[in-house]
Structures are given as structure tokens and as C-alpha cells.
Protein backbone atom coordinates (compact mmCIF):
# COMPACT_ATOMS: atom_id res chain seq x y z
CA MET A 1 -31.77 -15.56 -18.05
CA VAL A 2 -27.78 -15.75 -17.39
CA ASP A 3 -26.24 -13.59 -19.67
CA HIS A 4 -22.92 -15.29 -20.44
CA GLY A 5 -21.54 -12.05 -22.43
CA SER A 6 -21.46 -9.97 -19.22
CA TRP A 7 -19.26 -13.36 -16.93
CA MET A 8 -16.95 -13.22 -19.33
CA THR A 9 -16.17 -9.63 -18.96
CA LEU A 10 -15.23 -11.04 -15.22
CA LEU A 11 -12.07 -12.29 -17.19
CA GLY A 12 -10.40 -9.71 -16.88
CA LEU A 13 -9.90 -9.81 -13.07
CA GLY A 14 -8.17 -13.06 -13.65
CA VAL A 15 -5.63 -11.20 -15.82
CA ILE A 16 -4.82 -9.45 -13.76
CA ILE A 17 -4.76 -12.46 -10.93
CA GLY A 18 -2.63 -14.57 -12.92
CA GLY A 19 -0.37 -11.99 -13.73
CA VAL A 20 0.27 -11.71 -9.83
CA ILE A 21 0.49 -14.64 -9.11
CA LEU A 22 3.14 -15.02 -12.25
CA ARG A 23 4.99 -12.09 -11.15
CA MET A 24 4.75 -10.27 -14.27
CA ASN A 25 5.05 -6.38 -14.60
CA ILE A 26 2.11 -4.87 -12.95
CA LEU A 27 1.83 -1.65 -15.19
CA PHE A 28 1.69 -4.48 -17.64
CA VAL A 29 -1.06 -6.84 -16.51
CA VAL A 30 -3.68 -4.01 -15.77
CA VAL A 31 -3.35 -2.20 -19.51
CA ALA A 32 -3.91 -5.84 -20.81
CA SER A 33 -6.41 -6.10 -18.16
CA SER A 34 -7.52 -3.35 -19.08
CA LEU A 35 -7.64 -3.85 -22.50
CA ILE A 36 -8.97 -7.74 -22.64
CA THR A 37 -12.10 -6.73 -20.67
CA PRO A 38 -14.49 -4.24 -23.56
CA LEU A 39 -12.71 -6.86 -26.13
CA LEU A 40 -14.72 -9.94 -24.08
CA ALA A 41 -18.18 -7.80 -24.36
CA GLY A 42 -17.82 -7.76 -27.60
CA LYS A 43 -16.22 -3.82 -28.22
CA THR A 44 -13.78 -3.75 -31.44
CA PRO A 45 -10.09 -3.14 -30.44
CA TYR A 46 -9.70 0.48 -31.38
CA GLU A 47 -12.59 0.71 -29.29
CA ALA A 48 -11.02 -0.42 -26.31
CA VAL A 49 -8.51 1.41 -26.82
CA ALA A 50 -10.77 4.79 -27.53
CA MET A 51 -12.53 3.50 -23.32
CA LEU A 52 -10.14 3.70 -21.90
CA GLY A 53 -8.39 6.60 -22.95
CA HIS A 54 -11.59 8.59 -22.20
CA TYR A 55 -11.51 7.45 -18.64
CA ALA A 56 -8.00 7.94 -18.95
CA THR A 57 -8.36 11.67 -19.66
CA SER A 58 -11.35 12.25 -17.75
CA ALA A 59 -9.35 11.14 -14.86
CA ARG A 60 -6.74 12.98 -15.30
CA TYR A 61 -6.41 14.88 -11.64
CA ILE A 62 -5.53 11.18 -10.50
CA SER A 63 -2.26 11.12 -12.37
CA VAL A 64 -0.75 14.62 -10.41
CA MET A 65 0.81 12.32 -7.94
CA TRP A 66 3.00 10.91 -10.36
CA THR A 67 4.36 14.92 -10.78
CA ILE A 68 6.48 13.69 -7.43
CA LEU A 69 8.03 10.79 -8.62
CA PRO A 70 10.96 13.62 -10.87
CA LEU A 71 11.80 15.12 -7.36
CA ILE A 72 11.99 11.74 -5.21
CA GLY A 73 14.53 9.90 -8.20
CA LEU A 74 16.57 13.79 -6.90
CA LEU A 75 16.02 13.70 -3.63
CA GLU A 76 17.93 10.17 -3.64
CA TRP A 77 19.91 10.54 -6.02
CA ALA A 78 21.42 13.51 -3.80
CA GLY A 79 21.82 11.01 -1.17
CA LEU A 80 18.27 10.76 0.87
CA THR A 81 18.47 7.27 1.57
CA ASP A 82 22.02 7.53 2.00
CA ALA A 83 20.84 9.82 5.43
CA ALA A 84 17.45 7.73 6.06
CA ARG A 85 20.48 4.49 7.02
CA GLY A 86 22.43 7.22 8.79
CA LEU A 87 19.34 7.92 11.12
CA VAL A 88 19.41 4.44 11.85
CA SER A 89 22.70 5.09 14.26
CA ARG A 90 21.08 8.59 15.61
CA LEU A 91 18.16 6.84 16.78
CA SER A 92 19.60 3.72 18.30
CA LEU A 93 17.50 1.96 16.49
CA LYS A 94 19.20 -1.42 17.21
CA THR A 95 17.07 -3.39 15.00
CA PRO A 96 14.62 -4.02 12.44
CA GLY A 97 11.59 -4.24 14.09
CA HIS A 98 12.21 -0.76 16.01
CA VAL A 99 11.97 0.82 12.62
CA LEU A 100 8.86 -1.43 11.51
CA ARG A 101 7.15 -0.34 15.15
CA GLY A 102 7.64 2.94 15.24
CA TYR A 103 6.73 3.90 11.48
CA PHE A 104 3.49 1.78 12.30
CA ILE A 105 2.04 3.46 14.91
CA LEU A 106 3.58 6.75 13.35
CA ARG A 107 1.67 6.14 10.44
CA GLN A 108 -1.45 5.40 12.26
CA ILE A 109 -1.69 7.88 13.74
CA SER A 110 -1.21 10.37 11.04
CA ALA A 111 -3.93 8.37 9.19
CA ALA A 112 -6.43 8.29 12.18
CA LEU A 113 -6.43 11.94 11.93
CA GLY A 114 -6.93 12.07 8.03
CA LEU A 115 -3.14 13.07 7.40
CA THR A 116 -3.17 10.26 4.65
CA SER A 117 -0.79 11.74 2.67
CA LEU A 118 2.41 11.72 5.06
CA GLY A 119 3.36 7.99 3.86
CA GLY A 120 3.14 5.97 1.21
CA GLN A 121 5.24 3.88 -1.09
CA VAL A 122 7.12 5.91 -3.48
CA GLN A 123 7.74 9.45 -0.83
CA MET A 124 8.27 6.44 2.69
CA VAL A 125 8.72 2.91 2.21
CA ARG A 126 11.08 3.24 -1.01
CA SER A 127 12.93 6.46 0.01
CA LEU A 128 13.31 6.08 3.80
CA ILE A 129 11.32 3.37 6.01
CA ALA A 130 13.08 0.16 3.84
CA PRO A 131 16.56 1.63 3.46
CA MET A 132 16.19 2.29 7.17
CA ALA A 133 15.29 -1.08 7.88
CA GLU A 134 18.08 -2.89 5.68
CA GLU A 135 20.76 -0.94 8.09
CA ALA A 136 19.25 -1.65 11.49
CA GLY A 137 19.29 -5.54 9.92
CA ARG A 138 23.07 -5.44 8.41
CA HIS A 139 23.55 -4.07 12.27
CA ILE A 140 21.59 -6.75 13.52
CA THR A 141 23.36 -9.65 10.88
CA ASN A 142 26.82 -7.85 11.60
CA GLY A 143 27.04 -7.24 7.87
CA THR A 144 25.65 -10.27 6.51
CA LEU A 145 22.53 -9.56 5.24
CA THR A 146 21.60 -11.34 2.32
CA LYS A 147 19.89 -10.33 -0.62
CA GLU A 148 16.42 -12.80 0.07
CA GLU A 149 16.84 -10.89 3.73
CA ARG A 150 16.68 -7.68 2.09
CA GLU A 151 13.59 -8.15 -0.57
CA ARG A 152 12.12 -9.48 3.05
CA LEU A 153 12.56 -6.53 4.68
CA ARG A 154 11.24 -4.18 1.67
CA ALA A 155 7.93 -6.31 2.16
CA ALA A 156 7.74 -6.32 5.38
CA ALA A 157 7.78 -1.72 4.74
CA ALA A 158 5.81 -1.76 2.42
CA ALA A 159 3.47 -3.45 4.30
CA THR A 160 3.86 -2.00 7.07
CA ASP A 161 2.36 1.16 4.98
CA ASN A 162 -0.70 -0.69 3.93
CA VAL A 163 -1.28 -2.22 7.21
CA ALA A 164 -1.10 0.97 8.88
CA GLY A 165 -2.53 3.36 6.54
CA PHE A 166 -5.65 0.34 6.25
CA PHE A 167 -6.49 0.58 9.38
CA GLY A 168 -5.79 3.93 10.54
CA GLU A 169 -7.57 6.06 8.20
CA ASP A 170 -11.24 4.60 9.22
CA ILE A 171 -10.33 5.95 12.43
CA PHE A 172 -11.02 9.49 10.56
CA LEU A 173 -14.60 10.86 10.72
CA ALA A 174 -15.05 11.84 7.19
CA VAL A 175 -12.68 9.55 5.13
CA ALA A 176 -14.13 8.19 1.85
CA SER A 177 -14.54 4.54 3.78
CA ILE A 178 -16.78 5.79 6.02
CA LEU A 179 -19.37 7.45 4.45
CA LEU A 180 -19.57 4.42 2.44
CA MET A 181 -20.18 1.97 4.57
CA GLN A 182 -22.05 3.97 5.67
CA ALA A 183 -24.26 4.55 2.76
CA VAL A 184 -24.60 0.63 2.02
CA LEU A 185 -26.07 0.35 5.38
CA GLU A 186 -28.01 2.61 5.18
CA ALA A 187 -28.94 1.34 1.63
CA ASN A 188 -29.86 -1.84 3.54
CA ASN A 189 -32.07 -0.11 6.00
CA VAL A 190 -28.90 -0.12 8.65
CA GLN A 191 -29.03 3.07 10.36
CA VAL A 192 -25.96 4.30 11.86
CA LEU A 193 -23.98 7.15 12.09
CA PRO A 194 -20.11 8.15 10.72
CA TRP A 195 -18.94 8.99 14.17
CA GLN A 196 -20.08 5.55 15.58
CA LEU A 197 -18.36 3.23 12.50
CA SER A 198 -15.10 5.34 13.32
CA VAL A 199 -15.26 4.33 17.40
CA TRP A 200 -15.45 0.49 15.88
CA ALA A 201 -12.54 0.99 13.67
CA ILE A 202 -10.48 1.64 17.12
CA PRO A 203 -9.97 -2.21 17.67
CA SER A 204 -9.39 -3.30 14.64
CA ALA A 205 -6.93 -0.68 14.50
CA VAL A 206 -5.37 -1.52 17.79
CA MET A 207 -5.52 -5.61 16.79
CA ALA A 208 -3.81 -4.71 13.66
CA LEU A 209 -1.31 -3.12 15.60
CA ALA A 210 -1.00 -6.07 17.47
CA VAL A 211 -0.60 -8.82 15.37
CA SER A 212 2.19 -6.53 13.17
CA TRP A 213 4.45 -5.94 16.10
CA LEU A 214 3.95 -9.65 16.95
CA CYS A 215 5.61 -9.83 13.13
CA PHE A 216 8.02 -7.27 13.60
CA ARG A 217 9.82 -9.33 16.59
CA LYS A 218 9.22 -12.99 14.27
CA ILE A 219 11.21 -10.82 11.61
CA ASP A 220 14.22 -9.87 13.87
CA ARG A 221 14.28 -13.63 15.98
CA SER A 222 14.62 -14.36 12.68
CA LEU A 223 17.31 -12.37 11.25
CA ARG A 224 19.47 -13.62 15.07
CA ARG A 225 19.41 -16.40 14.46
């Protein structure tokens, strides 16, 4: 017999999907979903808040990453973003595609070697890659880059980091995703070794690079027009 209460808890996912579609503050959406889900499971408001606090404190090592935010803010205040824009001219990066292609390859290779922490939205994209892409965009449009075009370049920089990191890290033998896939396959009587999964991740990484390369060319053509 179907437990309708258990299905109700899945509405928490609907809150996240709806919040993203409506472009609401993502922090507010995640917290709201975290509270709504236990309420739909029959918990009291007090129990829902207590559960949220319990899991936040039991996994508090995850919040260590937030300690780098003041450092990033201090570096930006000291001129990190301006230095990134100046780097575009010194390296002769004439288009945003040049910037994004170079970062994609660097990010993918470093992730394939297990160095996933070398990239990231906060420490790399917001501080360096997005400003460099915008500066290259100003060059290609003779300084007439619109607000919409700036937002597109920022989104492309963020996507570059995500895609390169996602497909690159699976090439690394000891990454958690490889071990998870091996465990799932073994649970379904499919015997594979981690190195076999890593090898077969290479074609996917190459295809991701090829598709992204075409997207970068499309961005450059759009800005030239």
C-alpha cells in the first residue's frame, strides 16, 4: 500500500525547483525546503528546526569553506578584479572565447589530476575568470558591452567551471563519484574496477570540451555582431 505521507515529503524538491524557476534567493529557497520537508512528514515546527540544527552541527566541517570568503573579499577590495582585467591585455586574450577555453582546459586537467580545489565559483570564477571574460568582451565590442551581454559572459564563466570540473574529476581514480559508481554497479552484479570507469570517463570529458568549444565560438560570434 502506498504511503501518501512519504510522497508528500517530495514536495520539498518542488519548492527548490519552483524557487529556481522564479529566480528567488537560493539561500532562502534551500532553507524553506529544509523546513517544509519535515513539516510535511508530520514533524512539529520545533522538531523541524531542531533537525535542521542537528544536521548543520553534525556536518559543520562543510562550513569550513566559508572561512575563505573574507579573504576573497579582501583580495577583491585590494584590486584582484582589476588585476585580472589587466591580465587579459598582457596575455593577448582577444575574445571571451579565448579566456573560457583556456580556463576550461586548465580546470579539466587539474580536476583529472585530483586537484579539484584549484577551481571554484567563489575563488576563481567571480574573482578572476568572469572579469577577464568581460574585459575581453569589451575589446571585441569596442567598449560597448551591454548589461545583458555581461550577464551572459558571467553565466558562461560559471558554466565553464561546472562542466570542466564535473567531467574532469571522473578521470581521477580515487574521486568519490568513481567509488560511488563502482558500488552501485557491484550492487547490481556488474563487476568493474575503478580504473576502468576512469578510462571510460575520458571520452565524455573530450566531448564536453568539444561542445563547450563550439559554445565559446558562438559567444564570440554573437558579440562581434
